[in-house]
Protein backbone atom coordinates (compact mmCIF):
# COMPACT_ATOMS: atom_id res chain seq x y z
CA UNK A 1 133.33 -65.26 -258.06
CA UNK A 2 130.62 -67.88 -258.28
CA UNK A 3 127.02 -66.78 -258.14
CA UNK A 4 125.22 -68.31 -255.16
CA UNK A 5 121.72 -69.55 -255.78
CA UNK A 6 120.01 -71.03 -252.72
CA UNK A 7 116.40 -72.14 -252.58
CA UNK A 8 115.16 -73.09 -249.12
CA UNK A 9 112.11 -75.19 -248.35
CA UNK A 10 111.20 -76.43 -244.87
CA UNK A 11 109.54 -79.83 -244.90
CA UNK A 12 108.14 -81.94 -242.09
CA UNK A 13 109.24 -85.53 -242.42
CA UNK A 14 105.98 -87.34 -241.79
CA UNK A 15 107.68 -90.70 -242.18
CA UNK A 16 109.74 -89.95 -239.09
CA UNK A 17 106.95 -88.37 -237.07
CA UNK A 18 106.57 -91.47 -234.92
CA UNK A 19 110.22 -91.27 -233.93
CA UNK A 20 110.98 -87.58 -233.80
CA UNK A 21 109.57 -84.22 -234.72
CA UNK A 22 112.60 -83.27 -236.79
CA UNK A 23 112.34 -80.68 -239.54
CA UNK A 24 114.45 -81.01 -242.67
CA UNK A 25 115.77 -78.01 -244.59
CA UNK A 26 116.44 -78.51 -248.28
CA UNK A 27 118.95 -76.23 -249.93
CA UNK A 28 119.44 -75.98 -253.69
CA UNK A 29 122.86 -74.59 -254.55
CA UNK A 30 125.12 -74.27 -257.60
CA UNK A 31 128.85 -74.90 -257.26
CA UNK A 32 131.57 -74.73 -259.89
CA UNK A 33 135.21 -75.65 -260.40
CA UNK A 34 137.80 -75.25 -263.13
CA UNK A 35 138.89 -78.39 -264.97
CA UNK A 36 142.63 -78.92 -264.50
CA UNK A 37 143.74 -82.49 -263.87
CA UNK A 38 140.52 -84.25 -264.91
CA UNK A 39 136.77 -83.88 -265.21
CA UNK A 40 136.36 -86.17 -262.19
CA UNK A 41 138.50 -83.97 -259.95
CA UNK A 42 136.69 -80.82 -261.12
CA UNK A 43 133.31 -82.46 -260.46
CA UNK A 44 134.38 -83.34 -256.92
CA UNK A 45 135.54 -79.77 -256.30
CA UNK A 46 132.29 -78.33 -257.71
CA UNK A 47 130.25 -80.61 -255.47
CA UNK A 48 132.33 -79.59 -252.48
CA UNK A 49 131.87 -75.92 -253.42
CA UNK A 50 128.08 -76.31 -253.55
CA UNK A 51 127.89 -78.16 -250.23
CA UNK A 52 130.12 -75.59 -248.53
CA UNK A 53 127.72 -72.82 -249.56
CA UNK A 54 124.69 -74.79 -248.37
CA UNK A 55 126.27 -75.70 -245.02
CA UNK A 56 127.43 -72.15 -244.40
CA UNK A 57 124.01 -70.70 -245.24
CA UNK A 58 122.19 -73.25 -243.07
CA UNK A 59 124.19 -72.49 -239.93
CA UNK A 60 125.49 -76.07 -239.67
CA UNK A 61 129.07 -76.96 -238.71
CA UNK A 62 131.28 -76.19 -241.72
CA UNK A 63 134.06 -78.29 -240.16
CA UNK A 64 131.93 -81.35 -240.87
CA UNK A 65 132.55 -80.93 -244.60
CA UNK A 66 136.05 -82.38 -244.15
CA UNK A 67 134.48 -85.72 -243.18
CA UNK A 68 132.48 -85.81 -246.42
CA UNK A 69 135.23 -84.86 -248.87
CA UNK A 70 136.48 -88.45 -249.53
CA UNK A 71 132.94 -89.58 -250.41
CA UNK A 72 132.38 -86.65 -252.78
CA UNK A 73 135.10 -88.05 -255.07
CA UNK A 74 132.70 -90.84 -256.07
CA UNK A 75 130.75 -90.06 -259.25
CA UNK A 76 127.19 -90.56 -258.05
CA UNK A 77 123.88 -88.80 -258.50
CA UNK A 78 122.81 -89.31 -254.89
CA UNK A 79 124.75 -89.34 -251.61
CA UNK A 80 123.36 -90.40 -248.26
CA UNK A 81 125.13 -89.89 -244.93
CA UNK A 82 124.41 -91.00 -241.37
CA UNK A 83 125.48 -89.35 -238.12
CA UNK A 84 126.09 -86.07 -239.96
CA UNK A 85 124.24 -82.77 -240.27
CA UNK A 86 124.19 -83.30 -244.04
CA UNK A 87 121.84 -86.26 -244.50
CA UNK A 88 121.13 -86.47 -248.23
CA UNK A 89 122.54 -84.89 -251.39
CA UNK A 90 121.10 -85.11 -254.91
CA UNK A 91 122.88 -83.83 -258.03
CA UNK A 92 120.04 -82.16 -259.94
CA UNK A 93 122.02 -80.86 -262.90
CA UNK A 94 125.57 -81.12 -264.23
CA UNK A 95 126.93 -78.78 -266.90
CA UNK A 96 130.29 -78.44 -268.60
CA UNK A 97 131.01 -74.96 -269.88
CA UNK A 98 134.36 -74.37 -271.51
CA UNK A 99 136.93 -75.13 -268.87
CA UNK A 100 134.56 -75.36 -265.90
CA UNK A 101 132.05 -77.81 -264.46
CA UNK A 102 128.89 -76.60 -262.72
CA UNK A 103 126.75 -78.75 -260.45
CA UNK A 104 123.34 -77.86 -259.09
CA UNK A 105 122.67 -79.93 -255.99
CA UNK A 106 119.87 -80.32 -253.46
CA UNK A 107 121.04 -80.99 -249.91
CA UNK A 108 119.02 -82.07 -246.87
CA UNK A 109 120.68 -80.49 -243.80
CA UNK A 110 119.83 -80.73 -240.10
CA UNK A 111 121.80 -77.96 -238.31
CA UNK A 112 122.65 -78.99 -234.76
CA UNK A 113 121.96 -76.60 -231.90
CA UNK A 114 124.70 -78.16 -229.78
CA UNK A 115 127.73 -78.14 -232.05
CA UNK A 116 131.10 -77.01 -230.75
CA UNK A 117 130.85 -73.78 -232.77
CA UNK A 118 127.63 -73.04 -230.83
CA UNK A 119 128.70 -74.07 -227.32
CA UNK A 120 132.22 -72.64 -227.34
CA UNK A 121 133.52 -69.09 -227.51
CA UNK A 122 135.47 -68.31 -230.67
CA UNK A 123 139.17 -69.02 -230.45
CA UNK A 124 141.61 -66.21 -231.28
CA UNK A 125 144.20 -67.06 -233.90
CA UNK A 126 147.33 -65.37 -235.23
CA UNK A 127 148.55 -66.13 -238.77
CA UNK A 128 152.29 -65.98 -239.42
CA UNK A 129 153.95 -65.31 -242.73
CA UNK A 130 154.10 -68.36 -245.01
CA UNK A 131 157.69 -68.78 -246.20
CA UNK A 132 159.09 -70.13 -249.46
CA UNK A 133 161.36 -73.12 -248.90
CA UNK A 134 163.03 -72.58 -252.31
CA UNK A 135 162.68 -68.97 -253.55
CA UNK A 136 164.17 -69.98 -256.91
CA UNK A 137 160.93 -71.86 -257.64
CA UNK A 138 159.14 -68.48 -257.65
CA UNK A 139 161.21 -67.12 -260.55
CA UNK A 140 158.46 -67.81 -263.10
CA UNK A 141 156.12 -64.88 -262.62
CA UNK A 142 158.41 -63.31 -259.98
CA UNK A 143 155.92 -64.43 -257.31
CA UNK A 144 158.27 -64.11 -254.35
CA UNK A 145 155.49 -62.62 -252.20
CA UNK A 146 152.96 -65.38 -252.83
CA UNK A 147 153.48 -66.82 -249.33
CA UNK A 148 152.88 -63.49 -247.58
CA UNK A 149 149.83 -62.78 -249.74
CA UNK A 150 148.46 -66.28 -249.17
CA UNK A 151 148.75 -65.76 -245.40
CA UNK A 152 146.74 -62.53 -245.80
CA UNK A 153 144.04 -64.42 -247.74
CA UNK A 154 143.98 -67.20 -245.12
CA UNK A 155 143.71 -64.62 -242.34
CA UNK A 156 140.76 -62.97 -244.11
CA UNK A 157 139.13 -66.37 -244.72
CA UNK A 158 139.30 -67.22 -241.00
CA UNK A 159 138.13 -63.80 -239.91
CA UNK A 160 135.14 -63.57 -242.26
CA UNK A 161 133.91 -67.14 -242.76
CA UNK A 162 135.08 -69.24 -239.81
CA UNK A 163 132.55 -70.28 -237.19
CA UNK A 164 135.04 -71.17 -234.44
CA UNK A 165 137.90 -68.68 -234.89
CA UNK A 166 138.45 -64.95 -234.83
CA UNK A 167 141.66 -63.53 -236.25
CA UNK A 168 143.87 -61.14 -234.31
CA UNK A 169 145.81 -60.39 -237.49
CA UNK A 170 149.08 -61.48 -239.05
CA UNK A 171 152.63 -61.27 -237.74
CA UNK A 172 156.06 -60.83 -239.32
CA UNK A 173 157.75 -62.56 -236.38
CA UNK A 174 159.23 -65.94 -237.24
CA UNK A 175 157.22 -68.76 -235.66
CA UNK A 176 159.92 -71.28 -234.78
CA UNK A 177 158.68 -74.75 -233.73
CA UNK A 178 161.93 -75.45 -231.90
CA UNK A 179 161.41 -72.42 -229.65
CA UNK A 180 158.09 -72.88 -227.77
CA UNK A 181 158.89 -70.13 -225.26
CA UNK A 182 159.13 -67.62 -228.12
CA UNK A 183 155.81 -68.88 -229.50
CA UNK A 184 154.18 -68.36 -226.09
CA UNK A 185 155.52 -64.79 -225.90
CA UNK A 186 154.24 -63.95 -229.40
CA UNK A 187 150.84 -65.45 -228.59
CA UNK A 188 150.59 -63.55 -225.32
CA UNK A 189 151.51 -60.22 -226.94
CA UNK A 190 148.91 -60.76 -229.69
CA UNK A 191 146.23 -62.22 -227.45
CA UNK A 192 146.09 -65.41 -229.54
CA UNK A 193 145.10 -68.89 -228.41
CA UNK A 194 146.57 -70.47 -231.56
CA UNK A 195 149.39 -69.63 -233.98
CA UNK A 196 149.48 -70.68 -237.64
CA UNK A 197 152.76 -71.31 -239.47
CA UNK A 198 153.23 -72.48 -243.05
CA UNK A 199 155.95 -73.19 -245.60
CA UNK A 200 155.51 -73.54 -249.35
CA UNK A 201 157.84 -76.26 -250.60
CA UNK A 202 156.78 -76.74 -254.23
CA UNK A 203 155.99 -74.14 -256.90
CA UNK A 204 157.48 -76.08 -259.82
CA UNK A 205 155.84 -76.08 -263.24
CA UNK A 206 155.54 -78.51 -266.12
CA UNK A 207 155.12 -77.21 -269.65
CA UNK A 208 153.13 -79.09 -272.29
CA UNK A 209 154.28 -77.86 -275.68
CA UNK A 210 151.68 -77.38 -278.42
CA UNK A 211 152.41 -77.07 -282.14
CA UNK A 212 149.53 -74.85 -283.22
CA UNK A 213 148.47 -73.51 -279.82
CA UNK A 214 150.05 -71.79 -276.85
CA UNK A 215 151.97 -73.99 -274.45
CA UNK A 216 150.00 -75.25 -271.43
CA UNK A 217 151.75 -74.62 -268.10
CA UNK A 218 150.62 -76.59 -265.05
CA UNK A 219 152.05 -75.35 -261.77
CA UNK A 220 152.23 -77.13 -258.42
CA UNK A 221 151.41 -75.72 -255.02
CA UNK A 222 152.47 -77.71 -251.95
CA UNK A 223 152.45 -76.34 -248.44
CA UNK A 224 153.16 -77.71 -244.98
CA UNK A 225 151.00 -76.11 -242.30
CA UNK A 226 151.43 -76.24 -238.52
CA UNK A 227 149.25 -74.87 -235.72
CA UNK A 228 150.60 -74.22 -232.22
CA UNK A 229 148.89 -73.76 -228.87
CA UNK A 230 149.71 -70.26 -227.66
CA UNK A 231 149.56 -71.30 -224.00
CA UNK A 232 152.12 -74.12 -224.25
CA UNK A 233 153.96 -73.55 -227.55
CA UNK A 234 153.23 -77.16 -228.54
CA UNK A 235 152.11 -78.25 -232.00
CA UNK A 236 148.45 -79.28 -232.02
CA UNK A 237 147.85 -79.80 -235.76
CA UNK A 238 149.87 -80.31 -238.93
CA UNK A 239 148.87 -81.06 -242.50
CA UNK A 240 150.32 -81.04 -246.01
CA UNK A 241 148.32 -79.55 -248.87
CA UNK A 242 149.13 -80.25 -252.52
CA UNK A 243 147.25 -79.02 -255.59
CA UNK A 244 148.01 -78.30 -259.24
CA UNK A 245 146.42 -75.74 -261.55
CA UNK A 246 146.97 -74.17 -264.95
CA UNK A 247 149.34 -71.20 -264.89
CA UNK A 248 147.65 -68.83 -267.37
CA UNK A 249 150.39 -66.22 -267.49
CA UNK A 250 153.30 -65.92 -269.90
CA UNK A 251 156.51 -67.57 -268.71
CA UNK A 252 158.38 -64.25 -268.78
CA UNK A 253 155.68 -62.04 -267.26
CA UNK A 254 155.86 -60.52 -263.80
CA UNK A 255 152.69 -61.36 -261.85
CA UNK A 256 151.32 -59.25 -258.99
CA UNK A 257 150.06 -61.73 -256.39
CA UNK A 258 148.01 -58.97 -254.74
CA UNK A 259 146.01 -58.25 -257.90
CA UNK A 260 142.49 -59.39 -258.76
CA UNK A 261 143.93 -60.67 -262.05
CA UNK A 262 145.98 -63.23 -260.14
CA UNK A 263 143.31 -64.31 -257.63
CA UNK A 264 140.61 -64.72 -260.30
CA UNK A 265 142.90 -66.84 -262.49
CA UNK A 266 142.76 -70.64 -262.48
CA UNK A 267 145.85 -70.71 -260.26
CA UNK A 268 144.46 -68.09 -257.87
CA UNK A 269 141.15 -69.96 -257.63
CA UNK A 270 143.07 -73.09 -256.65
CA UNK A 271 144.86 -71.17 -253.87
CA UNK A 272 141.51 -69.90 -252.60
CA UNK A 273 140.28 -73.49 -252.47
CA UNK A 274 143.37 -74.50 -250.48
CA UNK A 275 142.74 -71.60 -248.09
CA UNK A 276 139.18 -72.79 -247.56
CA UNK A 277 140.34 -76.38 -247.00
CA UNK A 278 142.76 -75.14 -244.33
CA UNK A 279 139.89 -73.39 -242.57
CA UNK A 280 137.67 -76.49 -242.82
CA UNK A 281 140.42 -78.70 -241.38
CA UNK A 282 140.92 -76.28 -238.52
CA UNK A 283 137.18 -76.27 -237.85
CA UNK A 284 137.17 -80.06 -237.86
CA UNK A 285 140.23 -80.54 -235.67
CA UNK A 286 140.13 -77.62 -233.22
CA UNK A 287 136.56 -76.36 -232.88
CA UNK A 288 135.81 -78.78 -230.02
CA UNK A 289 138.95 -77.92 -228.08
CA UNK A 290 137.98 -75.87 -225.06
CA UNK A 291 138.30 -72.08 -225.23
CA UNK A 292 139.91 -70.75 -222.06
CA UNK A 293 139.37 -67.04 -221.38
CA UNK A 294 141.98 -65.68 -218.97
CA UNK A 295 141.76 -63.26 -216.07
CA UNK A 296 143.73 -60.16 -217.08
CA UNK A 297 142.74 -57.60 -214.42
CA UNK A 298 141.24 -57.47 -210.93
CA UNK A 299 140.02 -54.41 -209.08
CA UNK A 300 137.56 -54.17 -206.22
CA UNK A 301 134.73 -56.58 -207.03
CA UNK A 302 135.24 -56.54 -210.82
CA UNK A 303 137.16 -59.18 -212.74
CA UNK A 304 138.21 -58.66 -216.39
CA UNK A 305 138.91 -61.36 -218.99
CA UNK A 306 140.51 -61.29 -222.42
CA UNK A 307 137.53 -62.42 -224.54
CA UNK A 308 134.73 -60.15 -225.66
CA UNK A 309 131.99 -59.54 -228.18
CA UNK A 310 133.97 -60.68 -231.22
CA UNK A 311 134.53 -64.05 -229.51
CA UNK A 312 130.82 -64.55 -228.86
CA UNK A 313 130.72 -63.45 -225.21
CA UNK A 314 127.27 -62.31 -224.07
CA UNK A 315 126.08 -60.54 -220.94
CA UNK A 316 124.81 -63.10 -218.45
CA UNK A 317 127.14 -65.91 -219.53
CA UNK A 318 128.27 -68.20 -216.69
CA UNK A 319 131.88 -69.38 -216.39
CA UNK A 320 133.73 -71.83 -214.14
CA UNK A 321 137.09 -70.70 -212.73
CA UNK A 322 140.29 -72.79 -212.76
CA UNK A 323 143.34 -71.72 -210.77
CA UNK A 324 146.69 -71.83 -212.59
CA UNK A 325 150.13 -72.25 -211.05
CA UNK A 326 153.68 -73.08 -212.10
CA UNK A 327 156.23 -75.33 -210.45
CA UNK A 328 159.61 -76.93 -211.14
CA UNK A 329 159.62 -80.72 -211.33
CA UNK A 330 162.36 -83.07 -210.11
CA UNK A 331 164.17 -82.72 -213.43
CA UNK A 332 164.33 -78.94 -213.22
CA UNK A 333 161.67 -78.41 -215.88
CA UNK A 334 158.96 -75.74 -215.56
CA UNK A 335 155.47 -77.23 -215.40
CA UNK A 336 152.01 -75.67 -215.39
CA UNK A 337 149.23 -76.83 -213.09
CA UNK A 338 145.52 -76.09 -213.49
CA UNK A 339 143.10 -76.83 -210.65
CA UNK A 340 139.32 -76.63 -210.78
CA UNK A 341 137.72 -74.31 -208.22
CA UNK A 342 134.19 -73.93 -206.84
CA UNK A 343 134.04 -70.35 -208.10
CA UNK A 344 131.64 -69.34 -210.87
CA UNK A 345 131.45 -65.92 -212.49
CA UNK A 346 128.80 -64.07 -214.47
CA UNK A 347 129.52 -61.73 -217.38
CA UNK A 348 128.24 -58.29 -216.36
CA UNK A 349 129.57 -56.10 -219.17
CA UNK A 350 130.90 -56.90 -222.63
CA UNK A 351 133.43 -54.96 -224.72
CA UNK A 352 134.69 -55.64 -228.21
CA UNK A 353 137.69 -57.72 -227.09
CA UNK A 354 137.12 -58.09 -223.36
CA UNK A 355 134.49 -58.40 -220.68
CA UNK A 356 133.88 -57.67 -217.00
CA UNK A 357 132.61 -60.36 -214.64
CA UNK A 358 131.20 -60.55 -211.13
CA UNK A 359 131.98 -63.38 -208.73
CA UNK A 360 128.96 -65.46 -207.74
CA UNK A 361 130.62 -66.41 -204.42
CA UNK A 362 132.05 -63.10 -203.12
CA UNK A 363 133.60 -64.84 -200.08
CA UNK A 364 135.93 -66.77 -202.45
CA UNK A 365 136.94 -63.79 -204.60
CA UNK A 366 140.23 -63.24 -202.74
CA UNK A 367 141.64 -66.48 -204.18
CA UNK A 368 141.29 -65.32 -207.79
CA UNK A 369 144.60 -64.41 -209.45
CA UNK A 370 145.55 -62.81 -212.77
CA UNK A 371 146.31 -65.66 -215.17
CA UNK A 372 143.56 -67.94 -213.88
CA UNK A 373 141.43 -69.37 -216.68
CA UNK A 374 137.75 -70.21 -217.11
CA UNK A 375 135.44 -72.26 -219.28
CA UNK A 376 131.90 -71.51 -220.37
CA UNK A 377 129.14 -73.41 -218.56
């Protein structure tokens, strides 16, 4: 693992004092990446690694890193951005050590107090097994479980480092895009707002023969990822990820994809980078989508919802109620209807994965039904 070195200095920008009393935080961080395709690609990955650490440490929106990635491919000493929490980046030092590139950068970051990851409750997410489209491509190394183990890594990445999501675990149930009703049932059983499905469709390798040295094996990794809304079963995000990395193991060896030896190898490090990019894309695309806690129980004057402490719920939070209903349209299709109400509720007690609420307008409490949803005010 890379050593994280962060030096923080808070500066007052006197040049901007006439316009605003903003305070800039400078972070000095070292990022690294293994050289595979080219020095330029490794430099871009090292710069991205450093900025990710700085953004995460600062409390800024990590999903915003996706917007910067295309610009980080340019070989510059200084980068300046507008309309972004990361304002200015300076490459202080660049080193090439063996097969890796290390960059020490200084980043000027203005964390926003009103980002979606601050205003919204965390969204619950369920990660499905990631299948192999062509199992024969996994023969080299006998890595038939790489999809399942990658889904475990992605689940851990979301659970431990995501700002907008909280994992409810993984599932062995097949997530079939053509069967939205099944997706809704799986999501309801797991208590998940979103479902993640993936398929690895390229694990092929190319071998560069050497006369006086060992052969160099470069192996592909391509994956199609889909995310579904657990309330509707509809696809809300899809992306294809493709990377290549050196395969450092013998062609005839059997590789354990659960071992530290695999995940600390050049190929394993590449998979970890893909996992992080998936998380960053999800933060970028879904963090601003509204989180809708649902009424799951009603007794006397107490209402219970399905989000709790792990989702960011706090005692005293105010929520607006929306009534939900279903109907059959003129074509015989089931439709859902959501109607805003005048009812607001206050969180009175918080549990790990749930919370109790009191109705601010007791005279309207009789109209509240299980299945109604809310949004945070």
